[in-house]
Each structure stands twice: as structure tokens, then as C-alpha cells.
Protein backbone atom coordinates (compact mmCIF):
# COMPACT_ATOMS: atom_id res chain seq x y z
CA MET A 1 112.47 115.69 128.27
CA THR A 2 113.59 112.28 129.04
CA GLY A 3 111.76 108.87 129.18
CA PHE A 4 109.87 106.26 127.26
CA ILE A 5 108.92 107.73 123.70
CA ARG A 6 105.42 106.65 122.67
CA ILE A 7 104.09 107.18 119.38
CA ALA A 8 100.63 108.79 118.97
CA GLY A 9 98.14 107.79 116.18
CA VAL A 10 95.62 110.57 115.37
CA LEU A 11 92.39 109.33 113.53
CA GLY A 12 92.22 112.98 111.94
CA GLY A 13 89.72 114.47 109.33
CA LEU A 14 86.57 113.89 111.21
CA GLY A 15 86.43 117.63 111.30
CA PRO A 16 89.58 118.64 110.18
CA VAL A 17 89.81 121.78 112.12
CA ALA A 18 89.10 119.47 115.39
CA THR A 19 92.18 117.45 114.23
CA VAL A 20 94.60 120.68 113.82
CA ASP A 21 93.32 122.14 117.09
CA PHE A 22 94.15 118.77 118.90
CA MET A 23 97.53 118.82 117.42
CA GLN A 24 98.09 122.52 118.60
CA ARG A 25 96.67 121.83 121.99
CA VAL A 26 99.25 118.70 122.35
CA ILE A 27 101.84 121.16 121.06
CA ASP A 28 101.13 124.01 123.39
CA LEU A 29 100.66 121.69 126.33
CA THR A 30 104.16 119.68 126.05
CA PRO A 31 106.83 121.11 128.14
CA VAL A 32 109.82 121.00 125.96
CA GLU A 33 113.45 122.23 125.94
CA CYS A 34 114.07 121.55 122.10
CA GLU A 35 111.97 120.86 118.94
CA GLN A 36 113.06 117.02 119.59
CA ASP A 37 111.03 116.88 122.73
CA HIS A 38 107.72 117.33 121.01
CA VAL A 39 105.16 114.51 120.76
CA HIS A 40 105.50 112.02 117.94
CA MET A 41 102.30 111.76 116.15
CA LEU A 42 101.21 109.92 113.28
CA VAL A 43 98.20 111.55 111.59
CA ASP A 44 95.56 110.01 109.18
CA GLN A 45 93.73 113.21 108.03
CA ASN A 46 90.75 111.57 106.47
CA PRO A 47 87.85 113.68 105.38
CA SER A 48 86.24 111.33 103.43
CA VAL A 49 84.78 108.96 106.41
CA PRO A 50 81.03 108.82 106.37
CA ASN A 51 79.32 111.29 107.97
CA ARG A 52 79.02 110.45 111.63
CA GLN A 53 75.71 112.69 112.43
CA ASP A 54 74.14 111.09 109.29
CA ALA A 55 74.71 107.66 110.76
CA ILE A 56 73.48 108.57 114.16
CA MET A 57 70.50 110.84 113.35
CA HIS A 58 69.38 109.13 109.87
CA GLY A 59 70.52 105.56 109.75
CA GLY A 60 73.14 106.55 107.31
CA GLU A 61 76.50 104.71 106.17
CA SER A 62 78.36 103.85 109.28
CA PRO A 63 82.10 105.40 109.61
CA ALA A 64 82.99 102.14 111.60
CA ALA A 65 84.77 100.55 108.58
CA ALA A 66 86.59 103.42 107.91
CA LEU A 67 87.86 104.09 111.30
CA ALA A 68 88.96 100.77 111.80
CA ALA A 69 90.90 100.79 108.60
CA MET A 70 92.36 103.96 109.69
CA ALA A 71 93.37 102.72 113.06
CA LEU A 72 94.91 99.59 111.26
CA ARG A 73 97.10 101.72 109.11
CA LEU A 74 98.27 103.86 111.83
CA GLN A 75 99.01 100.68 114.14
CA LYS A 76 100.95 99.24 111.09
CA SER A 77 102.88 102.61 110.81
CA GLY A 78 104.14 102.31 114.44
CA ALA A 79 101.36 104.12 116.47
CA ASP A 80 101.53 103.15 120.26
CA PHE A 81 98.07 104.23 121.01
CA LEU A 82 95.06 105.97 119.23
CA VAL A 83 93.50 109.23 119.44
CA MET A 84 90.15 110.48 117.76
CA PRO A 85 89.44 114.38 117.88
CA CYS A 86 85.93 114.21 117.26
CA ASN A 87 82.69 114.53 119.01
CA THR A 88 80.25 112.35 117.25
CA ALA A 89 82.34 109.41 116.18
CA HIS A 90 82.94 108.07 119.84
């Protein structure tokens, strides 16, 4: 694989299995000739983010501050763009 390398920042832990599933899909769908061709991913796997369903359905604590902090950490660590494998947070 050749071309411009971009680093994906993954806001993970919003369902740890969803994060692992997302990463596996990226690996499976990336055309590679060698290990170095895989997508560079930085992952913040944080299962302590406040419950999204509780916030939506019952007015519980918002996950916004935790998600913003995760995004900032990933950006400071070199992520060029962010992804969030979660059905309820976005």
C-alpha cells in the first residue's frame, strides 16, 4: 500500500466488544501486502464513560465531557481523525 498515511483515533469502550469488532473489520477490509500496510490506530478504550442509554432515556449523567476528553487525548497523541464505534453516543 502506498500513499498518505493518516492515523485513526478510536473512541472506544462504549461497548468494548463494539470497539474490538470495529478494529477487526478495519483489519479484515484493509488490502495489505505486509503487516506495515495496516491502518495506524490509536485507541482510547474507556469503559467508564457515563452510560449513554441512561443519559438519553432517564436524564442521567451526560457522556459529553468524557468523550471530549478522550477526543482531545487522541488528538494530542497524533490522531488525524476520530471514529466512535457506538450506536447510542452519536
